[in-house]
C-alpha cells in the first residue's frame, strides 16, 4: 500500500462514483479513500471517508477542498463524476437531449453547461493544492465521446455535446498551465462508454447488450489505465478501452 497517497471521488452517490469508491478500497493502493456528494450513497462503504457538500458552488467547493487540505497528504487519484444528460430543473423544465435545432432553448443550455462544464471547472480550480507535489497525481473527469468535435458525425444533442466539448477544452488548457506550476499532475478526459445507471436508462433500448456496461466494470476499466498515464504527455482523452479519442 502507498501509505502517503489518498484517493478522492467527487459525485460519490452516483452509480459510477459509488463503484469507483468500492474498487479503490478493494485495490488497497491508497492510504485513505474519500467521497464527496450532496447526499450519502445508498450503500455506505465502511473504509470510505464521506464528506457532504450543500451545493456544488464556488464557495462550497473551495471550503471543501480547504478542509481536505488541512488533513494533509497528497491525493494521487481524483475522479470527478459530476454530469447530466437528462434532468429536471428547479423551475420544472424537463432536460432531454435535443434532436433538432428547434429543440434548443436557453434554460436547457444553461443547465447542461452549469452541470457538465462549470461545476467540474470549479473543482479543477480548487483541487490543485490537494494534488500538487513530488509524486504523480491523476485527476480524471468523466466526459463523453460525443464531446469530440472532430468525431461528430450524427449531430443533435446540442447542449450535451457542447457542454462536454467545453469541459474538454478547459481540461486541455489547464494541463498546459499545470505543466508549468504543478508538473506532477495528469489531467484525463474519460469516456466510460454506456453504463447501466440512471443517466443512460432512458437511452438503453438501442444499446447492444455487450455495449451496456455495469458500473463496476466501468470502475475497473478506468482504474486499470491510470498507471500508464504521465503528466508530460497529458492531457488525455480516452475511452473505456484505453483508446485515444480525437479532441
Foldseek 3Di string as FASTA:
>chain_A
DQQQAEAEEEACQFQLNVLLQVVVVVVPPYNAYEYEDQDDHPDDDPRYHYDHFPDLDLVRLLVVLVVVVVVDGAHQYYEYEWAAAWDADPVGDTAHWFPDPVPDDDVNLVVRLVGLPVSVLSNVVNCCSRHADDAAHEYEYEAALLLAPVPDDRDTSVSNNVNRVNNVVSQQVVLVVCCPVRVRYEYEHEHLFAEPTPRCVVPCPPPDPVRYHYSNLSSVLVVVCVVVDGSVPDDFYAYSNRDGRHD
